[in-house]
Protein backbone atom coordinates (compact mmCIF):
# COMPACT_ATOMS: atom_id res chain seq x y z
CA MET A 1 90.21 121.68 20.28
CA SER A 2 87.71 125.11 19.73
CA ASP A 3 89.14 128.31 18.85
CA HIS A 4 86.82 129.57 21.35
CA ALA A 5 88.65 130.57 24.44
CA ALA A 6 87.67 129.74 27.25
CA PRO A 7 85.04 132.16 29.51
CA ARG A 8 87.03 134.03 32.34
CA VAL A 9 85.48 134.20 35.95
CA ARG A 10 85.94 137.05 37.75
CA VAL A 11 86.12 136.47 41.55
CA MET A 12 85.60 140.31 43.38
CA ARG A 13 88.12 139.56 46.07
CA SER A 14 90.76 141.69 47.49
CA TYR A 15 94.41 140.28 46.82
CA LEU A 16 94.84 140.19 50.39
CA GLY A 17 91.57 138.12 50.69
CA ARG A 18 93.06 135.45 48.02
CA ALA A 19 95.90 135.19 49.53
CA ARG A 20 94.76 134.22 52.96
CA GLY A 21 91.62 132.67 51.98
CA LEU A 22 89.36 134.47 54.07
CA GLY A 23 85.96 135.81 53.67
CA ALA A 24 84.86 138.88 54.50
CA ALA A 25 85.11 139.18 58.86
CA ARG A 26 86.06 135.96 59.09
CA THR A 27 84.35 134.66 61.42
CA GLY A 28 81.12 133.60 59.21
CA ALA A 29 81.49 129.57 60.02
CA ALA A 30 81.95 129.63 63.90
CA HIS A 31 78.64 131.81 63.78
CA TRP A 32 77.56 129.20 61.41
CA TRP A 33 78.89 126.16 63.59
CA ALA A 34 77.85 127.62 67.11
CA GLN A 35 74.13 127.75 66.00
CA ARG A 36 74.28 124.12 64.97
CA VAL A 37 76.16 122.78 67.31
CA GLY A 38 72.96 124.83 69.95
CA SER A 39 70.11 123.54 68.05
CA LEU A 40 71.60 120.03 68.16
CA ALA A 41 71.98 120.75 71.98
CA LEU A 42 68.42 121.98 71.96
CA LEU A 43 66.51 119.19 70.64
CA PRO A 44 67.39 116.56 74.05
CA LEU A 45 67.07 119.73 76.34
CA THR A 46 63.62 121.35 74.84
CA ALA A 47 62.31 117.03 74.90
CA TRP A 48 62.94 116.86 78.69
CA PHE A 49 61.65 120.44 79.08
CA VAL A 50 58.15 119.69 77.96
CA PHE A 51 58.01 115.98 79.10
CA THR A 52 58.84 117.79 83.02
CA VAL A 53 56.31 120.70 82.20
CA MET A 54 53.38 118.05 80.63
CA HIS A 55 54.42 115.82 83.60
CA LEU A 56 54.64 118.89 86.29
CA ALA A 57 51.54 120.95 85.40
CA PRO A 58 48.64 118.66 87.04
CA GLN A 59 51.10 118.13 89.75
CA GLY A 60 51.32 122.01 91.68
CA ARG A 61 53.84 124.00 92.65
CA ALA A 62 55.37 121.98 95.61
CA ALA A 63 55.96 118.79 93.11
CA ALA A 64 57.13 121.24 90.44
CA LEU A 65 59.75 122.62 93.67
CA GLY A 66 60.40 118.99 94.46
CA TYR A 67 61.18 118.27 91.01
CA LEU A 68 63.49 120.98 90.75
CA HIS A 69 65.38 120.77 93.91
CA THR A 70 67.31 117.74 92.65
CA PRO A 71 70.82 117.96 91.21
CA TRP A 72 70.05 116.69 87.97
CA ASN A 73 66.76 118.47 86.97
CA ALA A 74 68.33 121.88 88.26
CA THR A 75 71.37 121.79 86.14
CA LEU A 76 69.38 120.44 82.98
CA LEU A 77 67.01 123.24 83.35
CA LEU A 78 69.90 125.61 83.78
CA ALA A 79 71.55 124.13 80.37
CA PHE A 80 68.24 124.71 78.76
CA ILE A 81 68.17 128.59 79.80
CA LEU A 82 71.38 128.94 78.40
CA VAL A 83 71.19 127.74 75.07
CA THR A 84 68.11 128.51 74.52
CA PHE A 85 69.53 132.75 75.38
CA GLN A 86 72.57 131.98 73.70
CA HIS A 87 70.41 130.44 70.32
CA MET A 88 68.02 133.00 70.26
CA GLN A 89 71.10 135.88 70.69
CA LEU A 90 72.83 134.37 67.62
CA GLY A 91 69.71 134.05 65.21
CA LEU A 92 68.68 137.53 66.55
CA GLN A 93 72.25 138.71 65.06
CA VAL A 94 72.15 137.27 61.43
CA VAL A 95 68.74 138.73 61.02
CA ILE A 96 69.96 142.36 62.57
CA GLU A 97 73.09 141.62 60.64
CA ASP A 98 70.79 140.68 57.46
CA TYR A 99 68.14 143.37 57.53
CA ILE A 100 69.52 147.06 59.16
CA HIS A 101 71.70 148.69 58.14
CA GLY A 102 73.95 151.68 59.00
CA SER A 103 74.33 153.53 62.37
CA ALA A 104 70.68 151.47 63.15
CA ARG A 105 72.84 148.08 62.83
CA THR A 106 75.24 148.97 66.14
CA LEU A 107 72.29 150.22 67.94
CA ALA A 108 69.71 147.18 67.51
CA LEU A 109 72.93 144.95 67.92
CA LEU A 110 73.41 146.66 71.63
CA ALA A 111 69.18 146.48 72.42
CA MET A 112 69.03 143.13 71.50
CA ARG A 113 72.36 141.88 73.52
CA GLY A 114 71.17 143.91 76.43
CA VAL A 115 67.53 142.70 76.16
CA ILE A 116 68.39 139.23 75.54
CA GLY A 117 71.37 138.98 78.82
CA LEU A 118 68.91 141.09 81.23
CA GLY A 119 66.14 138.03 80.09
CA GLY A 120 69.17 135.16 80.37
CA ILE A 121 70.25 136.90 83.58
CA ALA A 122 66.25 136.84 85.31
CA CYS A 123 65.48 133.28 83.85
CA LEU A 124 69.12 131.84 85.53
CA LEU A 125 68.67 133.64 88.47
CA ALA A 126 64.67 132.37 89.16
CA ALA A 127 65.90 128.72 88.37
CA ILE A 128 68.85 128.85 90.82
CA ARG A 129 66.50 130.45 93.57
CA ILE A 130 63.92 127.77 92.51
CA ALA A 131 66.86 124.91 93.03
CA ILE A 132 68.43 125.92 96.46
């Protein structure tokens, strides 16, 4: 045995935080999982979208409209739009929270959510109009 005492590790958490075992905001894990699940959903949806665009580009507008009138393809397009805008919102939220501080953070988050919300609604309405 050694005469040296083991070094003490100082934990920078409050007593309540240690008792509950939770992090600072208690939502980091859910946000992280939502990003990963969105990424996994975007893999096949993006592959479908790229294939669709490459397949329909030389055929013209009428072929694209006919293709998107089918329920399966319209559903996949709506899912692609929803997951893309949700994933974009989560990613930009992390960037804003990491690099913008103070009251500008709140303003930037509100502006980002507003722009993404309006863009998502516009894309969804356009896709629904095409599908109907």
